[in-house]
Amino acid sequence: MAPWILNSFQWLSFAAFRKFFDPKELVAFILPTTYAYYDAVPKLIDCSRPVIIVTACCICLILMSFNIYKKFNEHEQAIAEVLETGYFSNFFDRTAVLLDEKRQRGEMVTVLFKNNTAVQLDVNKILVKITLPKSKQQLSDTVAQIDAISRDATLDNGIWVKAAEHADGSVTVYECPRTLKAISRYLVNGQDAYTEENSFRLHRYFNERFMKDWDSHEDSIPQSIFKVNSVFEA
């Protein structure tokens, strides 16, 4: 069976059913709705009772399936958004505030590389490039590209970054949400469910939430220093 078909119907797995099927909703909503159909149709349409029973059962299954499908998607979206919230707060809130305050006060920023080489420079000579990968494979490729051209370093307040010093004395910080690698731990169908096909949807949830947070913090993020892209740029 084609992988995209399996990915499209992961919400029908036993694990998803066990997690999202709620007997209370079955009794309070699904069964009453089904009975309302069973009771009303004979009054409107002249058809045999077996047809009505079969149709009512189908409606019950459709309503139950839709409920599980809705909860499954909401769960995956919540996972991605929780990871994004932690990522944004742990890195961007602190880094953006640091660089913005340094710029306003006209202070220098110190970038300390892992080999104890320290670079002190004006804030305006720092560029932070953020890549928001659209899929699992793009995430792996982006991380590999960043690791190949940058070194471990810390900024003034101890924030760990991947940075590269250039011949003109400027420094580029390369950032990518590596926390997305952890998303597979929380999926209903296990880590194997984090496939390339599924990752497009999961990463979209993450990226959309990121851009909302980005827009809401626009005043505190120096736009001339921070650049966001969906494709890695050296």
C-alpha atoms as a PDB file:
ATOM      1  CA  MET A   1       0.000   0.000   0.000  1.00  0.00           C
ATOM      2  CA  ALA A   2       1.273   3.491  -0.877  1.00  0.00           C
ATOM      3  CA  PRO A   3       2.923   5.279   2.089  1.00  0.00           C
ATOM      4  CA  TRP A   4       0.736   8.362   1.654  1.00  0.00           C
ATOM      5  CA  ILE A   5      -2.383   6.225   2.128  1.00  0.00           C
ATOM      6  CA  LEU A   6      -1.033   4.736   5.370  1.00  0.00           C
ATOM      7  CA  ASN A   7      -0.051   8.201   6.599  1.00  0.00           C
ATOM      8  CA  SER A   8      -3.471   9.628   5.763  1.00  0.00           C
ATOM      9  CA  PHE A   9      -5.264   7.052   7.895  1.00  0.00           C
ATOM     10  CA  GLN A  10      -2.995   6.893  10.945  1.00  0.00           C
ATOM     11  CA  TRP A  11      -5.864   8.304  12.972  1.00  0.00           C
ATOM     12  CA  LEU A  12      -7.658   4.960  12.471  1.00  0.00           C
ATOM     13  CA  SER A  13      -4.975   2.996  14.319  1.00  0.00           C
ATOM     14  CA  PHE A  14      -5.793   1.033  17.448  1.00  0.00           C
ATOM     15  CA  ALA A  15      -3.553   3.353  19.487  1.00  0.00           C
ATOM     16  CA  ALA A  16      -5.481   6.394  18.264  1.00  0.00           C
ATOM     17  CA  PHE A  17      -8.815   4.707  18.971  1.00  0.00           C
ATOM     18  CA  ARG A  18      -7.732   3.733  22.489  1.00  0.00           C
ATOM     19  CA  LYS A  19      -6.535   7.262  23.260  1.00  0.00           C
ATOM     20  CA  PHE A  20      -9.302   9.337  21.717  1.00  0.00           C
ATOM     21  CA  PHE A  21     -12.445   7.223  21.934  1.00  0.00           C
ATOM     22  CA  ASP A  22     -14.593   8.629  24.716  1.00  0.00           C
ATOM     23  CA  PRO A  23     -17.589   6.522  25.874  1.00  0.00           C
ATOM     24  CA  LYS A  24     -19.102   9.633  27.476  1.00  0.00           C
ATOM     25  CA  GLU A  25     -19.248  11.404  24.118  1.00  0.00           C
ATOM     26  CA  LEU A  26     -20.707   8.275  22.555  1.00  0.00           C
ATOM     27  CA  VAL A  27     -23.554   8.299  25.067  1.00  0.00           C
ATOM     28  CA  ALA A  28     -24.051  12.067  25.249  1.00  0.00           C
ATOM     29  CA  PHE A  29     -23.734  13.022  21.574  1.00  0.00           C
ATOM     30  CA  ILE A  30     -23.218  10.267  19.021  1.00  0.00           C
ATOM     31  CA  LEU A  31     -25.956   7.834  20.076  1.00  0.00           C
ATOM     32  CA  PRO A  32     -28.624  10.548  20.573  1.00  0.00           C
ATOM     33  CA  THR A  33     -27.806  11.991  17.138  1.00  0.00           C
ATOM     34  CA  THR A  34     -28.032   8.537  15.593  1.00  0.00           C
ATOM     35  CA  TYR A  35     -31.324   7.830  17.311  1.00  0.00           C
ATOM     36  CA  ALA A  36     -32.740  11.169  16.160  1.00  0.00           C
ATOM     37  CA  TYR A  37     -32.020  10.113  12.583  1.00  0.00           C
ATOM     38  CA  TYR A  38     -33.473   6.641  13.183  1.00  0.00           C
ATOM     39  CA  ASP A  39     -36.618   8.161  14.645  1.00  0.00           C
ATOM     40  CA  ALA A  40     -37.129  10.990  12.133  1.00  0.00           C
ATOM     41  CA  VAL A  41     -36.381   9.332   8.772  1.00  0.00           C
ATOM     42  CA  PRO A  42     -39.424   6.979   8.721  1.00  0.00           C
ATOM     43  CA  LYS A  43     -41.645  10.019   9.242  1.00  0.00           C
ATOM     44  CA  LEU A  44     -40.160  11.758   6.203  1.00  0.00           C
ATOM     45  CA  ILE A  45     -39.228   8.958   3.811  1.00  0.00           C
ATOM     46  CA  ASP A  46     -40.927   5.669   3.120  1.00  0.00           C
ATOM     47  CA  CYS A  47     -38.150   3.069   3.307  1.00  0.00           C
ATOM     48  CA  SER A  48     -37.649  -0.322   4.916  1.00  0.00           C
ATOM     49  CA  ARG A  49     -36.528  -0.685   8.499  1.00  0.00           C
ATOM     50  CA  PRO A  50     -33.344  -2.668   7.606  1.00  0.00           C
ATOM     51  CA  VAL A  51     -32.221   0.240   5.387  1.00  0.00           C
ATOM     52  CA  ILE A  52     -32.876   2.690   8.196  1.00  0.00           C
ATOM     53  CA  ILE A  53     -30.966   0.540  10.710  1.00  0.00           C
ATOM     54  CA  VAL A  54     -27.971   0.083   8.408  1.00  0.00           C
ATOM     55  CA  THR A  55     -27.912   3.798   7.564  1.00  0.00           C
ATOM     56  CA  ALA A  56     -28.188   4.721  11.250  1.00  0.00           C
ATOM     57  CA  CYS A  57     -25.255   2.430  12.079  1.00  0.00           C
ATOM     58  CA  CYS A  58     -23.204   4.027   9.305  1.00  0.00           C
ATOM     59  CA  ILE A  59     -24.002   7.482  10.650  1.00  0.00           C
ATOM     60  CA  CYS A  60     -22.946   6.369  14.128  1.00  0.00           C
ATOM     61  CA  LEU A  61     -19.612   5.088  12.786  1.00  0.00           C
ATOM     62  CA  ILE A  62     -19.048   8.242  10.729  1.00  0.00           C
ATOM     63  CA  LEU A  63     -19.682  10.509  13.715  1.00  0.00           C
ATOM     64  CA  MET A  64     -17.425   8.411  15.943  1.00  0.00           C
ATOM     65  CA  SER A  65     -14.675   8.335  13.294  1.00  0.00           C
ATOM     66  CA  PHE A  66     -14.887  12.081  12.710  1.00  0.00           C
ATOM     67  CA  ASN A  67     -14.563  12.688  16.439  1.00  0.00           C
ATOM     68  CA  ILE A  68     -11.413  10.539  16.636  1.00  0.00           C
ATOM     69  CA  TYR A  69      -9.996  12.173  13.493  1.00  0.00           C
ATOM     70  CA  LYS A  70     -10.559  15.649  14.931  1.00  0.00           C
ATOM     71  CA  LYS A  71      -8.943  14.787  18.253  1.00  0.00           C
ATOM     72  CA  PHE A  72      -6.003  13.076  16.533  1.00  0.00           C
ATOM     73  CA  ASN A  73      -5.195  16.182  14.487  1.00  0.00           C
ATOM     74  CA  GLU A  74      -5.680  18.491  17.454  1.00  0.00           C
ATOM     75  CA  HIS A  75      -3.293  16.334  19.482  1.00  0.00           C
ATOM     76  CA  GLU A  76      -0.565  16.489  16.833  1.00  0.00           C
ATOM     77  CA  GLN A  77      -1.004  20.233  16.452  1.00  0.00           C
ATOM     78  CA  ALA A  78      -0.789  20.684  20.225  1.00  0.00           C
ATOM     79  CA  ILE A  79       2.476  18.706  20.359  1.00  0.00           C
ATOM     80  CA  ALA A  80       4.073  20.871  17.677  1.00  0.00           C
ATOM     81  CA  GLU A  81       2.853  24.100  19.278  1.00  0.00           C
ATOM     82  CA  VAL A  82       4.052  23.140  22.768  1.00  0.00           C
ATOM     83  CA  LEU A  83       7.515  22.398  21.375  1.00  0.00           C
ATOM     84  CA  GLU A  84       7.471  25.717  19.525  1.00  0.00           C
ATOM     85  CA  THR A  85       6.501  27.643  22.652  1.00  0.00           C
ATOM     86  CA  GLY A  86       9.413  26.193  24.595  1.00  0.00           C
ATOM     87  CA  TYR A  87      11.803  26.772  21.707  1.00  0.00           C
ATOM     88  CA  PHE A  88      10.742  30.367  21.162  1.00  0.00           C
ATOM     89  CA  SER A  89      10.940  31.217  24.852  1.00  0.00           C
ATOM     90  CA  ASN A  90      14.250  29.487  25.517  1.00  0.00           C
ATOM     91  CA  PHE A  91      16.141  30.998  22.600  1.00  0.00           C
ATOM     92  CA  PHE A  92      14.475  33.889  20.851  1.00  0.00           C
ATOM     93  CA  ASP A  93      12.982  35.695  23.811  1.00  0.00           C
ATOM     94  CA  ARG A  94      16.360  35.766  25.540  1.00  0.00           C
ATOM     95  CA  THR A  95      18.517  36.351  22.473  1.00  0.00           C
ATOM     96  CA  ALA A  96      16.311  39.018  20.919  1.00  0.00           C
ATOM     97  CA  VAL A  97      16.034  40.893  24.217  1.00  0.00           C
ATOM     98  CA  LEU A  98      19.799  40.742  24.743  1.00  0.00           C
ATOM     99  CA  LEU A  99      20.681  42.043  21.288  1.00  0.00           C
ATOM    100  CA  ASP A 100      17.955  44.692  21.316  1.00  0.00           C
ATOM    101  CA  GLU A 101      19.078  46.037  24.688  1.00  0.00           C
ATOM    102  CA  LYS A 102      22.723  46.028  23.601  1.00  0.00           C
ATOM    103  CA  ARG A 103      21.834  47.937  20.450  1.00  0.00           C
ATOM    104  CA  GLN A 104      19.787  50.541  22.305  1.00  0.00           C
ATOM    105  CA  ARG A 105      22.569  51.124  24.831  1.00  0.00           C
ATOM    106  CA  GLY A 106      25.279  51.093  22.176  1.00  0.00           C
ATOM    107  CA  GLU A 107      27.134  48.252  23.920  1.00  0.00           C
ATOM    108  CA  MET A 108      29.326  45.594  22.362  1.00  0.00           C
ATOM    109  CA  VAL A 109      28.429  41.898  22.248  1.00  0.00           C
ATOM    110  CA  THR A 110      30.895  39.156  23.128  1.00  0.00           C
ATOM    111  CA  VAL A 111      30.796  35.879  21.222  1.00  0.00           C
ATOM    112  CA  LEU A 112      32.858  33.224  22.999  1.00  0.00           C
ATOM    113  CA  PHE A 113      33.691  30.235  20.808  1.00  0.00           C
ATOM    114  CA  LYS A 114      34.289  26.769  22.205  1.00  0.00           C
ATOM    115  CA  ASN A 115      38.066  27.033  21.723  1.00  0.00           C
ATOM    116  CA  ASN A 116      37.971  30.072  24.067  1.00  0.00           C
ATOM    117  CA  THR A 117      38.380  32.509  21.192  1.00  0.00           C
ATOM    118  CA  ALA A 118      36.365  35.601  22.081  1.00  0.00           C
ATOM    119  CA  VAL A 119      35.051  38.062  19.509  1.00  0.00           C
ATOM    120  CA  GLN A 120      33.715  41.401  20.684  1.00  0.00           C
ATOM    121  CA  LEU A 121      31.731  43.351  18.144  1.00  0.00           C
ATOM    122  CA  ASP A 122      29.005  45.872  17.560  1.00  0.00           C
ATOM    123  CA  VAL A 123      25.475  44.427  17.605  1.00  0.00           C
ATOM    124  CA  ASN A 124      24.878  45.638  14.067  1.00  0.00           C
ATOM    125  CA  LYS A 125      27.654  43.337  12.858  1.00  0.00           C
ATOM    126  CA  ILE A 126      25.747  40.261  14.059  1.00  0.00           C
ATOM    127  CA  LEU A 127      23.249  38.487  11.836  1.00  0.00           C
ATOM    128  CA  VAL A 128      20.982  35.732  13.153  1.00  0.00           C
ATOM    129  CA  LYS A 129      19.677  33.469  10.381  1.00  0.00           C
ATOM    130  CA  ILE A 130      16.775  31.246  11.347  1.00  0.00           C
ATOM    131  CA  THR A 131      15.746  28.352   9.137  1.00  0.00           C
ATOM    132  CA  LEU A 132      12.314  26.778   9.645  1.00  0.00           C
ATOM    133  CA  PRO A 133      12.515  23.408   7.851  1.00  0.00           C
ATOM    134  CA  LYS A 134       9.352  22.136   6.208  1.00  0.00           C
ATOM    135  CA  SER A 135      10.068  18.436   6.704  1.00  0.00           C
ATOM    136  CA  LYS A 136      12.072  15.846   8.602  1.00  0.00           C
ATOM    137  CA  GLN A 137      14.629  15.467   5.817  1.00  0.00           C
ATOM    138  CA  GLN A 138      15.031  19.214   5.430  1.00  0.00           C
ATOM    139  CA  LEU A 139      15.601  19.470   9.186  1.00  0.00           C
ATOM    140  CA  SER A 140      18.406  16.895   9.020  1.00  0.00           C
ATOM    141  CA  ASP A 141      19.955  18.578   5.987  1.00  0.00           C
ATOM    142  CA  THR A 142      19.780  22.016   7.601  1.00  0.00           C
ATOM    143  CA  VAL A 143      21.386  20.834  10.836  1.00  0.00           C
ATOM    144  CA  ALA A 144      24.189  19.178   8.849  1.00  0.00           C
ATOM    145  CA  GLN A 145      24.781  22.333   6.796  1.00  0.00           C
ATOM    146  CA  ILE A 146      24.878  24.508   9.908  1.00  0.00           C
ATOM    147  CA  ASP A 147      27.282  22.168  11.696  1.00  0.00           C
ATOM    148  CA  ALA A 148      29.567  22.149   8.649  1.00  0.00           C
ATOM    149  CA  ILE A 149      30.134  25.922   8.526  1.00  0.00           C
ATOM    150  CA  SER A 150      29.783  27.046  12.152  1.00  0.00           C
ATOM    151  CA  ARG A 151      31.204  26.455  15.608  1.00  0.00           C
ATOM    152  CA  ASP A 152      29.744  26.147  19.087  1.00  0.00           C
ATOM    153  CA  ALA A 153      29.718  29.466  20.896  1.00  0.00           C
ATOM    154  CA  THR A 154      27.937  31.428  23.618  1.00  0.00           C
ATOM    155  CA  LEU A 155      26.671  34.996  23.699  1.00  0.00           C
ATOM    156  CA  ASP A 156      27.031  37.402  26.602  1.00  0.00           C
ATOM    157  CA  ASN A 157      24.345  35.868  28.737  1.00  0.00           C
ATOM    158  CA  GLY A 158      25.479  32.296  28.182  1.00  0.00           C
ATOM    159  CA  ILE A 159      23.087  31.370  25.384  1.00  0.00           C
ATOM    160  CA  TRP A 160      24.481  28.507  23.309  1.00  0.00           C
ATOM    161  CA  VAL A 161      24.575  29.178  19.568  1.00  0.00           C
ATOM    162  CA  LYS A 162      26.144  27.935  16.352  1.00  0.00           C
ATOM    163  CA  ALA A 163      28.138  30.826  14.941  1.00  0.00           C
ATOM    164  CA  ALA A 164      30.657  31.645  12.232  1.00  0.00           C
ATOM    165  CA  GLU A 165      33.129  34.522  12.226  1.00  0.00           C
ATOM    166  CA  HIS A 166      33.798  36.228   8.897  1.00  0.00           C
ATOM    167  CA  ALA A 167      36.860  37.985   7.508  1.00  0.00           C
ATOM    168  CA  ASP A 168      35.245  41.422   7.854  1.00  0.00           C
ATOM    169  CA  GLY A 169      34.812  40.893  11.597  1.00  0.00           C
ATOM    170  CA  SER A 170      31.104  40.187  11.462  1.00  0.00           C
ATOM    171  CA  VAL A 171      29.462  37.086  12.978  1.00  0.00           C
ATOM    172  CA  THR A 172      26.550  35.044  11.708  1.00  0.00           C
ATOM    173  CA  VAL A 173      24.506  32.956  14.129  1.00  0.00           C
ATOM    174  CA  TYR A 174      22.768  30.022  12.436  1.00  0.00           C
ATOM    175  CA  GLU A 175      19.633  28.813  14.144  1.00  0.00           C
ATOM    176  CA  CYS A 176      17.302  25.913  13.428  1.00  0.00           C
ATOM    177  CA  PRO A 177      14.627  24.350  15.688  1.00  0.00           C
ATOM    178  CA  ARG A 178      16.445  21.118  16.522  1.00  0.00           C
ATOM    179  CA  THR A 179      13.749  20.527  19.113  1.00  0.00           C
ATOM    180  CA  LEU A 180      11.601  19.218  16.238  1.00  0.00           C
ATOM    181  CA  LYS A 181      13.615  16.004  16.470  1.00  0.00           C
ATOM    182  CA  ALA A 182      11.847  15.329  19.769  1.00  0.00           C
ATOM    183  CA  ILE A 183       8.379  15.458  18.233  1.00  0.00           C
ATOM    184  CA  SER A 184       8.404  11.719  17.477  1.00  0.00           C
ATOM    185  CA  ARG A 185       8.458  10.874  21.210  1.00  0.00           C
ATOM    186  CA  TYR A 186       4.970  12.237  21.719  1.00  0.00           C
ATOM    187  CA  LEU A 187       3.109  10.881  18.693  1.00  0.00           C
ATOM    188  CA  VAL A 188       0.167   8.561  19.382  1.00  0.00           C
ATOM    189  CA  ASN A 189       1.428   5.901  16.966  1.00  0.00           C
ATOM    190  CA  GLY A 190       5.006   5.945  18.228  1.00  0.00           C
ATOM    191  CA  GLN A 191       8.279   7.275  16.880  1.00  0.00           C
ATOM    192  CA  ASP A 192       7.919   5.444  13.571  1.00  0.00           C
ATOM    193  CA  ALA A 193       4.939   7.708  12.799  1.00  0.00           C
ATOM    194  CA  TYR A 194       7.348  10.629  12.297  1.00  0.00           C
ATOM    195  CA  THR A 195       7.789   9.893   8.616  1.00  0.00           C
ATOM    196  CA  GLU A 196       8.814  12.283   5.889  1.00  0.00           C
ATOM    197  CA  GLU A 197       5.205  12.498   4.697  1.00  0.00           C
ATOM    198  CA  ASN A 198       3.817  13.199   8.167  1.00  0.00           C
ATOM    199  CA  SER A 199       6.575  15.634   9.009  1.00  0.00           C
ATOM    200  CA  PHE A 200       5.271  18.194   6.497  1.00  0.00           C
ATOM    201  CA  ARG A 201       2.059  18.541   8.513  1.00  0.00           C
ATOM    202  CA  LEU A 202       3.801  18.532  11.905  1.00  0.00           C
ATOM    203  CA  HIS A 203       6.390  21.075  10.825  1.00  0.00           C
ATOM    204  CA  ARG A 204       3.670  23.268   9.332  1.00  0.00           C
ATOM    205  CA  TYR A 205       1.945  23.429  12.725  1.00  0.00           C
ATOM    206  CA  PHE A 206       5.264  24.365  14.352  1.00  0.00           C
ATOM    207  CA  ASN A 207       6.182  26.979  11.741  1.00  0.00           C
ATOM    208  CA  GLU A 208       2.764  28.620  11.709  1.00  0.00           C
ATOM    209  CA  ARG A 209       2.838  29.002  15.482  1.00  0.00           C
ATOM    210  CA  PHE A 210       6.395  30.335  15.286  1.00  0.00           C
ATOM    211  CA  MET A 211       5.397  33.045  12.813  1.00  0.00           C
ATOM    212  CA  LYS A 212       2.461  34.062  15.044  1.00  0.00           C
ATOM    213  CA  ASP A 213       4.831  34.436  17.992  1.00  0.00           C
ATOM    214  CA  TRP A 214       7.300  36.247  15.752  1.00  0.00           C
ATOM    215  CA  ASP A 215       4.666  38.762  14.661  1.00  0.00           C
ATOM    216  CA  SER A 216       3.441  39.314  18.219  1.00  0.00           C
ATOM    217  CA  HIS A 217       7.026  40.031  19.384  1.00  0.00           C
ATOM    218  CA  GLU A 218       7.923  42.136  16.373  1.00  0.00           C
ATOM    219  CA  ASP A 219       8.611  45.259  18.425  1.00  0.00           C
ATOM    220  CA  SER A 220      11.211  43.503  20.598  1.00  0.00           C
ATOM    221  CA  ILE A 221      12.977  41.612  17.793  1.00  0.00           C
ATOM    222  CA  PRO A 222      15.560  43.644  15.849  1.00  0.00           C
ATOM    223  CA  GLN A 223      14.400  42.957  12.297  1.00  0.00           C
ATOM    224  CA  SER A 224      17.735  44.085  10.824  1.00  0.00           C
ATOM    225  CA  ILE A 225      19.534  41.381  12.833  1.00  0.00           C
ATOM    226  CA  PHE A 226      17.104  38.444  12.691  1.00  0.00           C
ATOM    227  CA  LYS A 227      16.189  36.868   9.369  1.00  0.00           C
ATOM    228  CA  VAL A 228      13.717  33.988   8.975  1.00  0.00           C
ATOM    229  CA  ASN A 229      13.640  31.657   5.994  1.00  0.00           C
ATOM    230  CA  SER A 230      12.275  28.225   5.137  1.00  0.00           C
ATOM    231  CA  VAL A 231      15.448  27.301   3.222  1.00  0.00           C
ATOM    232  CA  PHE A 232      18.963  27.352   4.653  1.00  0.00           C
ATOM    233  CA  GLU A 233      21.178  30.207   3.530  1.00  0.00           C
ATOM    234  CA  ALA A 234      24.879  30.276   4.388  1.00  0.00           C
END
